PDB file of all heavy atoms in Angstrom:
ATOM      1  N   THR A   1     129.364  10.603 -75.111  1.00  0.00           N
ATOM      2  CA  THR A   1     129.046   9.457 -75.965  1.00  0.00           C
ATOM      3  C   THR A   1     127.536   9.290 -76.050  1.00  0.00           C
ATOM      4  O   THR A   1     126.791   9.773 -75.192  1.00  0.00           O
ATOM      5  CB  THR A   1     129.673   8.170 -75.417  1.00  0.00           C
ATOM      6  OG1 THR A   1     129.090   7.867 -74.134  1.00  0.00           O
ATOM      7  CG2 THR A   1     131.178   8.301 -75.266  1.00  0.00           C
ATOM      8  N   TYR A   2     127.095   8.549 -77.105  1.00  0.00           N
ATOM      9  CA  TYR A   2     125.661   8.461 -77.373  1.00  0.00           C
ATOM     10  C   TYR A   2     125.171   7.038 -77.595  1.00  0.00           C
ATOM     11  O   TYR A   2     123.979   6.838 -77.798  1.00  0.00           O
ATOM     12  CB  TYR A   2     125.310   9.343 -78.580  1.00  0.00           C
ATOM     13  CG  TYR A   2     125.606  10.792 -78.314  1.00  0.00           C
ATOM     14  CD1 TYR A   2     126.857  11.325 -78.624  1.00  0.00           C
ATOM     15  CD2 TYR A   2     124.680  11.614 -77.699  1.00  0.00           C
ATOM     16  CE1 TYR A   2     127.153  12.653 -78.354  1.00  0.00           C
ATOM     17  CE2 TYR A   2     124.957  12.938 -77.428  1.00  0.00           C
ATOM     18  CZ  TYR A   2     126.202  13.451 -77.754  1.00  0.00           C
ATOM     19  OH  TYR A   2     126.497  14.762 -77.462  1.00  0.00           O
ATOM     20  N   HIS A   3     126.063   6.065 -77.594  1.00  0.00           N
ATOM     21  CA  HIS A   3     125.617   4.678 -77.652  1.00  0.00           C
ATOM     22  C   HIS A   3     126.649   3.800 -76.956  1.00  0.00           C
ATOM     23  O   HIS A   3     127.764   4.239 -76.648  1.00  0.00           O
ATOM     24  CB  HIS A   3     125.338   4.206 -79.088  1.00  0.00           C
ATOM     25  CG  HIS A   3     126.534   4.218 -79.977  1.00  0.00           C
ATOM     26  ND1 HIS A   3     127.513   3.253 -79.951  1.00  0.00           N
ATOM     27  CD2 HIS A   3     126.902   5.080 -80.958  1.00  0.00           C
ATOM     28  CE1 HIS A   3     128.424   3.516 -80.855  1.00  0.00           C
ATOM     29  NE2 HIS A   3     128.083   4.618 -81.483  1.00  0.00           N
ATOM     30  N   SER A   4     126.275   2.564 -76.688  1.00  0.00           N
ATOM     31  CA  SER A   4     127.080   1.698 -75.831  1.00  0.00           C
ATOM     32  C   SER A   4     128.466   1.423 -76.405  1.00  0.00           C
ATOM     33  O   SER A   4     129.444   1.310 -75.656  1.00  0.00           O
ATOM     34  CB  SER A   4     126.347   0.382 -75.583  1.00  0.00           C
ATOM     35  OG  SER A   4     126.068  -0.288 -76.802  1.00  0.00           O
ATOM     36  N   GLY A   5     128.584   1.317 -77.732  1.00  0.00           N
ATOM     37  CA  GLY A   5     129.882   1.052 -78.338  1.00  0.00           C
ATOM     38  C   GLY A   5     130.871   2.169 -78.066  1.00  0.00           C
ATOM     39  O   GLY A   5     132.024   1.924 -77.675  1.00  0.00           O
ATOM     40  N   GLU A   6     130.444   3.405 -78.292  1.00  0.00           N
ATOM     41  CA  GLU A   6     131.300   4.552 -77.989  1.00  0.00           C
ATOM     42  C   GLU A   6     131.695   4.560 -76.521  1.00  0.00           C
ATOM     43  O   GLU A   6     132.859   4.756 -76.171  1.00  0.00           O
ATOM     44  CB  GLU A   6     130.557   5.860 -78.292  1.00  0.00           C
ATOM     45  CG  GLU A   6     130.315   6.164 -79.740  1.00  0.00           C
ATOM     46  CD  GLU A   6     129.465   7.410 -79.933  1.00  0.00           C
ATOM     47  OE1 GLU A   6     128.857   7.899 -78.949  1.00  0.00           O
ATOM     48  OE2 GLU A   6     129.403   7.892 -81.067  1.00  0.00           O
ATOM     49  N   ASP A   7     130.698   4.365 -75.658  1.00  0.00           N
ATOM     50  CA  ASP A   7     130.955   4.475 -74.224  1.00  0.00           C
ATOM     51  C   ASP A   7     131.909   3.393 -73.736  1.00  0.00           C
ATOM     52  O   ASP A   7     132.741   3.642 -72.859  1.00  0.00           O
ATOM     53  CB  ASP A   7     129.638   4.423 -73.450  1.00  0.00           C
ATOM     54  CG  ASP A   7     129.824   4.778 -71.983  1.00  0.00           C
ATOM     55  OD1 ASP A   7     130.337   5.886 -71.714  1.00  0.00           O
ATOM     56  OD2 ASP A   7     129.486   3.950 -71.124  1.00  0.00           O
ATOM     57  N   ARG A   8     131.810   2.184 -74.281  1.00  0.00           N
ATOM     58  CA  ARG A   8     132.735   1.118 -73.869  1.00  0.00           C
ATOM     59  C   ARG A   8     134.179   1.485 -74.179  1.00  0.00           C
ATOM     60  O   ARG A   8     135.076   1.246 -73.370  1.00  0.00           O
ATOM     61  CB  ARG A   8     132.365  -0.197 -74.567  1.00  0.00           C
ATOM     62  CG  ARG A   8     131.235  -0.958 -73.918  1.00  0.00           C
ATOM     63  CD  ARG A   8     131.160  -2.389 -74.437  1.00  0.00           C
ATOM     64  NE  ARG A   8     130.900  -2.442 -75.863  1.00  0.00           N
ATOM     65  CZ  ARG A   8     129.685  -2.484 -76.402  1.00  0.00           C
ATOM     66  NH1 ARG A   8     128.623  -2.458 -75.616  1.00  0.00           N
ATOM     67  NH2 ARG A   8     129.525  -2.545 -77.720  1.00  0.00           N
ATOM     68  N   VAL A   9     134.409   2.049 -75.370  1.00  0.00           N
ATOM     69  CA  VAL A   9     135.769   2.438 -75.747  1.00  0.00           C
ATOM     70  C   VAL A   9     136.284   3.526 -74.815  1.00  0.00           C
ATOM     71  O   VAL A   9     137.392   3.435 -74.270  1.00  0.00           O
ATOM     72  CB  VAL A   9     135.821   2.912 -77.210  1.00  0.00           C
ATOM     73  CG1 VAL A   9     137.199   3.467 -77.551  1.00  0.00           C
ATOM     74  CG2 VAL A   9     135.472   1.769 -78.152  1.00  0.00           C
ATOM     75  N   VAL A  10     135.493   4.579 -74.624  1.00  0.00           N
ATOM     76  CA  VAL A  10     135.914   5.694 -73.780  1.00  0.00           C
ATOM     77  C   VAL A  10     136.136   5.233 -72.346  1.00  0.00           C
ATOM     78  O   VAL A  10     137.171   5.545 -71.732  1.00  0.00           O
ATOM     79  CB  VAL A  10     134.872   6.834 -73.838  1.00  0.00           C
ATOM     80  CG1 VAL A  10     135.174   7.898 -72.785  1.00  0.00           C
ATOM     81  CG2 VAL A  10     134.839   7.454 -75.228  1.00  0.00           C
ATOM     82  N   LYS A  11     135.191   4.495 -71.795  1.00  0.00           N
ATOM     83  CA  LYS A  11     135.313   4.027 -70.415  1.00  0.00           C
ATOM     84  C   LYS A  11     136.560   3.169 -70.232  1.00  0.00           C
ATOM     85  O   LYS A  11     137.304   3.333 -69.247  1.00  0.00           O
ATOM     86  CB  LYS A  11     134.062   3.226 -70.024  1.00  0.00           C
ATOM     87  CG  LYS A  11     134.113   2.657 -68.616  1.00  0.00           C
ATOM     88  CD  LYS A  11     132.778   2.036 -68.227  1.00  0.00           C
ATOM     89  CE  LYS A  11     132.443   0.824 -69.042  1.00  0.00           C
ATOM     90  NZ  LYS A  11     131.210   0.149 -68.548  1.00  0.00           N
ATOM     91  N   GLY A  12     136.816   2.264 -71.171  1.00  0.00           N
ATOM     92  CA  GLY A  12     137.966   1.382 -71.044  1.00  0.00           C
ATOM     93  C   GLY A  12     139.279   2.149 -71.045  1.00  0.00           C
ATOM     94  O   GLY A  12     140.169   1.876 -70.216  1.00  0.00           O
ATOM     95  N   ILE A  13     139.425   3.111 -71.949  1.00  0.00           N
ATOM     96  CA  ILE A  13     140.671   3.871 -72.036  1.00  0.00           C
ATOM     97  C   ILE A  13     140.857   4.755 -70.809  1.00  0.00           C
ATOM     98  O   ILE A  13     141.963   4.832 -70.235  1.00  0.00           O
ATOM     99  CB  ILE A  13     140.691   4.704 -73.327  1.00  0.00           C
ATOM    100  CG1 ILE A  13     140.815   3.779 -74.546  1.00  0.00           C
ATOM    101  CG2 ILE A  13     141.841   5.710 -73.307  1.00  0.00           C
ATOM    102  CD1 ILE A  13     140.665   4.490 -75.868  1.00  0.00           C
ATOM    103  N   LEU A  14     139.809   5.428 -70.369  1.00  0.00           N
ATOM    104  CA  LEU A  14     139.940   6.315 -69.214  1.00  0.00           C
ATOM    105  C   LEU A  14     140.198   5.534 -67.930  1.00  0.00           C
ATOM    106  O   LEU A  14     140.984   5.974 -67.073  1.00  0.00           O
ATOM    107  CB  LEU A  14     138.687   7.186 -69.071  1.00  0.00           C
ATOM    108  CG  LEU A  14     138.424   8.169 -70.213  1.00  0.00           C
ATOM    109  CD1 LEU A  14     137.234   9.057 -69.886  1.00  0.00           C
ATOM    110  CD2 LEU A  14     139.652   9.018 -70.525  1.00  0.00           C
ATOM    111  N   ARG A  15     139.584   4.382 -67.787  1.00  0.00           N
ATOM    112  CA  ARG A  15     139.838   3.571 -66.590  1.00  0.00           C
ATOM    113  C   ARG A  15     141.271   3.050 -66.570  1.00  0.00           C
ATOM    114  O   ARG A  15     141.914   3.004 -65.515  1.00  0.00           O
ATOM    115  CB  ARG A  15     138.835   2.409 -66.524  1.00  0.00           C
ATOM    116  CG  ARG A  15     137.456   2.843 -66.064  1.00  0.00           C
ATOM    117  CD  ARG A  15     136.542   1.655 -65.845  1.00  0.00           C
ATOM    118  NE  ARG A  15     135.272   2.085 -65.264  1.00  0.00           N
ATOM    119  CZ  ARG A  15     134.262   1.261 -65.000  1.00  0.00           C
ATOM    120  NH1 ARG A  15     134.364  -0.043 -65.282  1.00  0.00           N
ATOM    121  NH2 ARG A  15     133.152   1.715 -64.468  1.00  0.00           N
ATOM    122  N   GLN A  16     141.765   2.645 -67.732  1.00  0.00           N
ATOM    123  CA  GLN A  16     143.149   2.188 -67.788  1.00  0.00           C
ATOM    124  C   GLN A  16     144.106   3.323 -67.439  1.00  0.00           C
ATOM    125  O   GLN A  16     145.078   3.124 -66.691  1.00  0.00           O
ATOM    126  CB  GLN A  16     143.476   1.640 -69.170  1.00  0.00           C
ATOM    127  CG  GLN A  16     144.904   1.098 -69.281  1.00  0.00           C
ATOM    128  CD  GLN A  16     145.196   0.525 -70.640  1.00  0.00           C
ATOM    129  OE1 GLN A  16     144.531   0.831 -71.625  1.00  0.00           O
ATOM    130  NE2 GLN A  16     146.191  -0.337 -70.718  1.00  0.00           N
ATOM    131  N   ALA A  17     143.850   4.520 -67.949  1.00  0.00           N
ATOM    132  CA  ALA A  17     144.700   5.668 -67.638  1.00  0.00           C
ATOM    133  C   ALA A  17     144.655   5.988 -66.146  1.00  0.00           C
ATOM    134  O   ALA A  17     145.678   6.365 -65.555  1.00  0.00           O
ATOM    135  CB  ALA A  17     144.261   6.881 -68.461  1.00  0.00           C
ATOM    136  N   ALA A  18     143.478   5.826 -65.518  1.00  0.00           N
ATOM    137  CA  ALA A  18     143.362   6.069 -64.082  1.00  0.00           C
ATOM    138  C   ALA A  18     144.148   5.020 -63.286  1.00  0.00           C
ATOM    139  O   ALA A  18     144.837   5.351 -62.308  1.00  0.00           O
ATOM    140  CB  ALA A  18     141.900   6.070 -63.670  1.00  0.00           C
ATOM    141  N   ARG A  19     144.069   3.747 -63.702  1.00  0.00           N
ATOM    142  CA  ARG A  19     144.816   2.693 -63.009  1.00  0.00           C
ATOM    143  C   ARG A  19     146.320   2.908 -63.127  1.00  0.00           C
ATOM    144  O   ARG A  19     147.082   2.557 -62.218  1.00  0.00           O
ATOM    145  CB  ARG A  19     144.441   1.316 -63.580  1.00  0.00           C
ATOM    146  CG  ARG A  19     143.055   0.834 -63.173  1.00  0.00           C
ATOM    147  CD  ARG A  19     142.880  -0.642 -63.479  1.00  0.00           C
ATOM    148  NE  ARG A  19     142.965  -0.922 -64.912  1.00  0.00           N
ATOM    149  CZ  ARG A  19     141.927  -0.967 -65.721  1.00  0.00           C
ATOM    150  NH1 ARG A  19     140.699  -0.744 -65.255  1.00  0.00           N
ATOM    151  NH2 ARG A  19     142.086  -1.240 -67.016  1.00  0.00           N
ATOM    152  N   GLN A  20     146.755   3.483 -64.231  1.00  0.00           N
ATOM    153  CA  GLN A  20     148.174   3.769 -64.435  1.00  0.00           C
ATOM    154  C   GLN A  20     148.637   5.013 -63.693  1.00  0.00           C
ATOM    155  O   GLN A  20     149.838   5.340 -63.709  1.00  0.00           O
ATOM    156  CB  GLN A  20     148.441   3.939 -65.933  1.00  0.00           C
ATOM    157  CG  GLN A  20     148.245   2.668 -66.748  1.00  0.00           C
ATOM    158  CD  GLN A  20     148.295   2.934 -68.247  1.00  0.00           C
ATOM    159  OE1 GLN A  20     148.133   4.068 -68.708  1.00  0.00           O
ATOM    160  NE2 GLN A  20     148.506   1.879 -69.026  1.00  0.00           N
ATOM    161  N   GLY A  21     147.707   5.714 -63.048  1.00  0.00           N
ATOM    162  CA  GLY A  21     148.060   6.917 -62.310  1.00  0.00           C
ATOM    163  C   GLY A  21     148.268   8.141 -63.176  1.00  0.00           C
ATOM    164  O   GLY A  21     148.835   9.145 -62.721  1.00  0.00           O
ATOM    165  N   ARG A  22     147.786   8.081 -64.417  1.00  0.00           N
ATOM    166  CA  ARG A  22     147.969   9.208 -65.336  1.00  0.00           C
ATOM    167  C   ARG A  22     146.877  10.254 -65.173  1.00  0.00           C
ATOM    168  O   ARG A  22     147.111  11.444 -65.433  1.00  0.00           O
ATOM    169  CB  ARG A  22     147.979   8.723 -66.785  1.00  0.00           C
ATOM    170  CG  ARG A  22     149.097   7.745 -67.105  1.00  0.00           C
ATOM    171  CD  ARG A  22     148.948   7.232 -68.525  1.00  0.00           C
ATOM    172  NE  ARG A  22     149.093   8.316 -69.486  1.00  0.00           N
ATOM    173  CZ  ARG A  22     148.587   8.291 -70.718  1.00  0.00           C
ATOM    174  NH1 ARG A  22     147.871   7.245 -71.130  1.00  0.00           N
ATOM    175  NH2 ARG A  22     148.779   9.303 -71.539  1.00  0.00           N
ATOM    176  N   VAL A  23     145.676   9.832 -64.775  1.00  0.00           N
ATOM    177  CA  VAL A  23     144.553  10.757 -64.652  1.00  0.00           C
ATOM    178  C   VAL A  23     143.769  10.461 -63.374  1.00  0.00           C
ATOM    179  O   VAL A  23     143.863   9.382 -62.794  1.00  0.00           O
ATOM    180  CB  VAL A  23     143.592  10.658 -65.867  1.00  0.00           C
ATOM    181  CG1 VAL A  23     144.315  10.943 -67.169  1.00  0.00           C
ATOM    182  CG2 VAL A  23     142.912   9.293 -65.915  1.00  0.00           C
ATOM    183  N   ARG A  24     143.002  11.462 -62.975  1.00  0.00           N
ATOM    184  CA  ARG A  24     142.039  11.315 -61.883  1.00  0.00           C
ATOM    185  C   ARG A  24     140.646  11.351 -62.479  1.00  0.00           C
ATOM    186  O   ARG A  24     140.317  12.245 -63.271  1.00  0.00           O
ATOM    187  CB  ARG A  24     142.214  12.453 -60.879  1.00  0.00           C
ATOM    188  CG  ARG A  24     141.187  12.475 -59.748  1.00  0.00           C
ATOM    189  CD  ARG A  24     141.579  13.480 -58.692  1.00  0.00           C
ATOM    190  NE  ARG A  24     141.478  14.847 -59.163  1.00  0.00           N
ATOM    191  CZ  ARG A  24     140.409  15.631 -58.971  1.00  0.00           C
ATOM    192  NH1 ARG A  24     139.333  15.158 -58.329  1.00  0.00           N
ATOM    193  NH2 ARG A  24     140.400  16.875 -59.413  1.00  0.00           N
ATOM    194  N   ASP A  25     139.820  10.384 -62.103  1.00  0.00           N
ATOM    195  CA  ASP A  25     138.459  10.305 -62.618  1.00  0.00           C
ATOM    196  C   ASP A  25     137.600  11.363 -61.931  1.00  0.00           C
ATOM    197  O   ASP A  25     137.499  11.395 -60.700  1.00  0.00           O
ATOM    198  CB  ASP A  25     137.890   8.902 -62.357  1.00  0.00           C
ATOM    199  CG  ASP A  25     136.582   8.642 -63.084  1.00  0.00           C
ATOM    200  OD1 ASP A  25     136.004   9.600 -63.622  1.00  0.00           O
ATOM    201  OD2 ASP A  25     136.154   7.482 -63.118  1.00  0.00           O
ATOM    202  N   LEU A  26     136.985  12.231 -62.716  1.00  0.00           N
ATOM    203  CA  LEU A  26     136.125  13.285 -62.174  1.00  0.00           C
ATOM    204  C   LEU A  26     134.656  12.881 -62.149  1.00  0.00           C
ATOM    205  O   LEU A  26     133.834  13.599 -61.573  1.00  0.00           O
ATOM    206  CB  LEU A  26     136.278  14.561 -63.013  1.00  0.00           C
ATOM    207  CG  LEU A  26     137.684  15.162 -63.075  1.00  0.00           C
ATOM    208  CD1 LEU A  26     137.690  16.364 -64.018  1.00  0.00           C
ATOM    209  CD2 LEU A  26     138.177  15.563 -61.698  1.00  0.00           C
ATOM    210  N   THR A  27     134.323  11.774 -62.778  1.00  0.00           N
ATOM    211  CA  THR A  27     132.932  11.306 -62.836  1.00  0.00           C
ATOM    212  C   THR A  27     132.930   9.806 -62.560  1.00  0.00           C
ATOM    213  O   THR A  27     133.059   9.004 -63.488  1.00  0.00           O
ATOM    214  CB  THR A  27     132.312  11.580 -64.226  1.00  0.00           C
ATOM    215  OG1 THR A  27     133.208  11.081 -65.238  1.00  0.00           O
ATOM    216  CG2 THR A  27     132.108  13.065 -64.454  1.00  0.00           C
ATOM    217  N   ARG A  28     132.798   9.432 -61.313  1.00  0.00           N
ATOM    218  CA  ARG A  28     132.854   8.004 -60.961  1.00  0.00           C
ATOM    219  C   ARG A  28     131.828   7.210 -61.764  1.00  0.00           C
ATOM    220  O   ARG A  28     132.067   6.090 -62.186  1.00  0.00           O
ATOM    221  CB  ARG A  28     132.612   7.824 -59.460  1.00  0.00           C
ATOM    222  CG  ARG A  28     133.725   8.390 -58.590  1.00  0.00           C
ATOM    223  CD  ARG A  28     133.423   8.203 -57.131  1.00  0.00           C
ATOM    224  NE  ARG A  28     133.403   6.793 -56.777  1.00  0.00           N
ATOM    225  CZ  ARG A  28     134.480   6.107 -56.404  1.00  0.00           C
ATOM    226  NH1 ARG A  28     135.658   6.712 -56.346  1.00  0.00           N
ATOM    227  NH2 ARG A  28     134.392   4.839 -56.080  1.00  0.00           N
ATOM    228  N   ARG A  29     130.673   7.804 -61.971  1.00  0.00           N
ATOM    229  CA  ARG A  29     129.669   7.282 -62.886  1.00  0.00           C
ATOM    230  C   ARG A  29     129.405   8.354 -63.941  1.00  0.00           C
ATOM    231  O   ARG A  29     129.478   9.544 -63.643  1.00  0.00           O
ATOM    232  CB  ARG A  29     128.377   6.935 -62.147  1.00  0.00           C
ATOM    233  CG  ARG A  29     128.520   5.794 -61.152  1.00  0.00           C
ATOM    234  CD  ARG A  29     127.194   5.476 -60.514  1.00  0.00           C
ATOM    235  NE  ARG A  29     127.293   4.360 -59.591  1.00  0.00           N
ATOM    236  CZ  ARG A  29     126.276   3.891 -58.872  1.00  0.00           C
ATOM    237  NH1 ARG A  29     125.069   4.459 -58.991  1.00  0.00           N
ATOM    238  NH2 ARG A  29     126.456   2.870 -58.052  1.00  0.00           N
ATOM    239  N   PRO A  30     129.094   7.945 -65.161  1.00  0.00           N
ATOM    240  CA  PRO A  30     128.868   8.965 -66.196  1.00  0.00           C
ATOM    241  C   PRO A  30     127.701   9.869 -65.837  1.00  0.00           C
ATOM    242  O   PRO A  30     126.679   9.417 -65.296  1.00  0.00           O
ATOM    243  CB  PRO A  30     128.572   8.139 -67.450  1.00  0.00           C
ATOM    244  CG  PRO A  30     128.135   6.802 -66.955  1.00  0.00           C
ATOM    245  CD  PRO A  30     128.892   6.577 -65.673  1.00  0.00           C
ATOM    246  N   LEU A  31     127.853  11.154 -66.124  1.00  0.00           N
ATOM    247  CA  LEU A  31     126.762  12.103 -65.937  1.00  0.00           C
ATOM    248  C   LEU A  31     125.761  11.944 -67.069  1.00  0.00           C
ATOM    249  O   LEU A  31     126.123  11.602 -68.198  1.00  0.00           O
ATOM    250  CB  LEU A  31     127.295  13.530 -65.908  1.00  0.00           C
ATOM    251  CG  LEU A  31     128.372  13.851 -64.875  1.00  0.00           C
ATOM    252  CD1 LEU A  31     128.714  15.340 -64.926  1.00  0.00           C
ATOM    253  CD2 LEU A  31     127.927  13.457 -63.479  1.00  0.00           C
ATOM    254  N   ARG A  32     124.500  12.193 -66.768  1.00  0.00           N
ATOM    255  CA  ARG A  32     123.439  12.123 -67.767  1.00  0.00           C
ATOM    256  C   ARG A  32     122.698  13.448 -67.800  1.00  0.00           C
ATOM    257  O   ARG A  32     122.689  14.196 -66.824  1.00  0.00           O
ATOM    258  CB  ARG A  32     122.445  10.996 -67.406  1.00  0.00           C
ATOM    259  CG  ARG A  32     123.072   9.611 -67.268  1.00  0.00           C
ATOM    260  CD  ARG A  32     123.686   9.117 -68.571  1.00  0.00           C
ATOM    261  NE  ARG A  32     122.743   9.049 -69.653  1.00  0.00           N
ATOM    262  CZ  ARG A  32     122.008   7.974 -69.948  1.00  0.00           C
ATOM    263  NH1 ARG A  32     122.110   6.877 -69.207  1.00  0.00           N
ATOM    264  NH2 ARG A  32     121.179   7.982 -70.974  1.00  0.00           N
ATOM    265  N   PRO A  33     122.053  13.786 -68.912  1.00  0.00           N
ATOM    266  CA  PRO A  33     121.273  15.026 -68.968  1.00  0.00           C
ATOM    267  C   PRO A  33     120.087  14.957 -68.015  1.00  0.00           C
ATOM    268  O   PRO A  33     119.556  13.868 -67.743  1.00  0.00           O
ATOM    269  CB  PRO A  33     120.807  15.077 -70.425  1.00  0.00           C
ATOM    270  CG  PRO A  33     120.849  13.665 -70.894  1.00  0.00           C
ATOM    271  CD  PRO A  33     121.982  13.010 -70.165  1.00  0.00           C
ATOM    272  N   ASP A  34     119.700  16.120 -67.494  1.00  0.00           N
ATOM    273  CA  ASP A  34     118.527  16.117 -66.633  1.00  0.00           C
ATOM    274  C   ASP A  34     117.262  15.975 -67.485  1.00  0.00           C
ATOM    275  O   ASP A  34     117.305  16.012 -68.712  1.00  0.00           O
ATOM    276  CB  ASP A  34     118.473  17.367 -65.751  1.00  0.00           C
ATOM    277  CG  ASP A  34     118.422  18.669 -66.548  1.00  0.00           C
ATOM    278  OD1 ASP A  34     117.916  18.662 -67.693  1.00  0.00           O
ATOM    279  OD2 ASP A  34     118.879  19.697 -66.028  1.00  0.00           O
ATOM    280  N   GLU A  35     116.156  15.806 -66.802  1.00  0.00           N
ATOM    281  CA  GLU A  35     114.899  15.530 -67.507  1.00  0.00           C
ATOM    282  C   GLU A  35     114.513  16.662 -68.451  1.00  0.00           C
ATOM    283  O   GLU A  35     114.034  16.428 -69.560  1.00  0.00           O
ATOM    284  CB  GLU A  35     113.781  15.297 -66.489  1.00  0.00           C
ATOM    285  CG  GLU A  35     112.455  14.906 -67.111  1.00  0.00           C
ATOM    286  CD  GLU A  35     111.379  14.603 -66.075  1.00  0.00           C
ATOM    287  OE1 GLU A  35     111.698  14.611 -64.870  1.00  0.00           O
ATOM    288  OE2 GLU A  35     110.223  14.364 -66.483  1.00  0.00           O
ATOM    289  N   ALA A  36     114.751  17.911 -68.014  1.00  0.00           N
ATOM    290  CA  ALA A  36     114.371  19.059 -68.845  1.00  0.00           C
ATOM    291  C   ALA A  36     115.162  19.065 -70.152  1.00  0.00           C
ATOM    292  O   ALA A  36     114.603  19.299 -71.228  1.00  0.00           O
ATOM    293  CB  ALA A  36     114.611  20.358 -68.074  1.00  0.00           C
ATOM    294  N   GLU A  37     116.476  18.799 -70.083  1.00  0.00           N
ATOM    295  CA  GLU A  37     117.273  18.793 -71.306  1.00  0.00           C
ATOM    296  C   GLU A  37     116.886  17.627 -72.204  1.00  0.00           C
ATOM    297  O   GLU A  37     116.822  17.770 -73.426  1.00  0.00           O
ATOM    298  CB  GLU A  37     118.765  18.723 -70.986  1.00  0.00           C
ATOM    299  CG  GLU A  37     119.616  18.705 -72.250  1.00  0.00           C
ATOM    300  CD  GLU A  37     121.101  18.762 -72.009  1.00  0.00           C
ATOM    301  OE1 GLU A  37     121.521  18.683 -70.843  1.00  0.00           O
ATOM    302  OE2 GLU A  37     121.858  18.893 -72.996  1.00  0.00           O
ATOM    303  N   ALA A  38     116.636  16.467 -71.610  1.00  0.00           N
ATOM    304  CA  ALA A  38     116.254  15.300 -72.408  1.00  0.00           C
ATOM    305  C   ALA A  38     114.960  15.551 -73.172  1.00  0.00           C
ATOM    306  O   ALA A  38     114.797  15.093 -74.309  1.00  0.00           O
ATOM    307  CB  ALA A  38     116.110  14.083 -71.508  1.00  0.00           C
ATOM    308  N   LEU A  39     114.053  16.299 -72.569  1.00  0.00           N
ATOM    309  CA  LEU A  39     112.797  16.634 -73.241  1.00  0.00           C
ATOM    310  C   LEU A  39     113.001  17.690 -74.316  1.00  0.00           C
ATOM    311  O   LEU A  39     112.362  17.656 -75.371  1.00  0.00           O
ATOM    312  CB  LEU A  39     111.771  17.127 -72.217  1.00  0.00           C
ATOM    313  CG  LEU A  39     111.199  16.066 -71.265  1.00  0.00           C
ATOM    314  CD1 LEU A  39     110.346  16.722 -70.189  1.00  0.00           C
ATOM    315  CD2 LEU A  39     110.372  15.041 -72.037  1.00  0.00           C
ATOM    316  N   ALA A  40     113.899  18.642 -74.066  1.00  0.00           N
ATOM    317  CA  ALA A  40     114.094  19.754 -74.999  1.00  0.00           C
ATOM    318  C   ALA A  40     114.998  19.399 -76.171  1.00  0.00           C
ATOM    319  O   ALA A  40     114.888  19.999 -77.236  1.00  0.00           O
ATOM    320  CB  ALA A  40     114.680  20.950 -74.247  1.00  0.00           C
TER     321      ALA A  40
END
């Protein structure tokens, strides 16, 4: 995702699926690009 609106939707759906026992969260916090990629 690239802005807060997208991320809120994705986070909400994935968290609900995790609470229902349907999925396991692989990223407790969202991953971000490293400094080199952000610059490039």
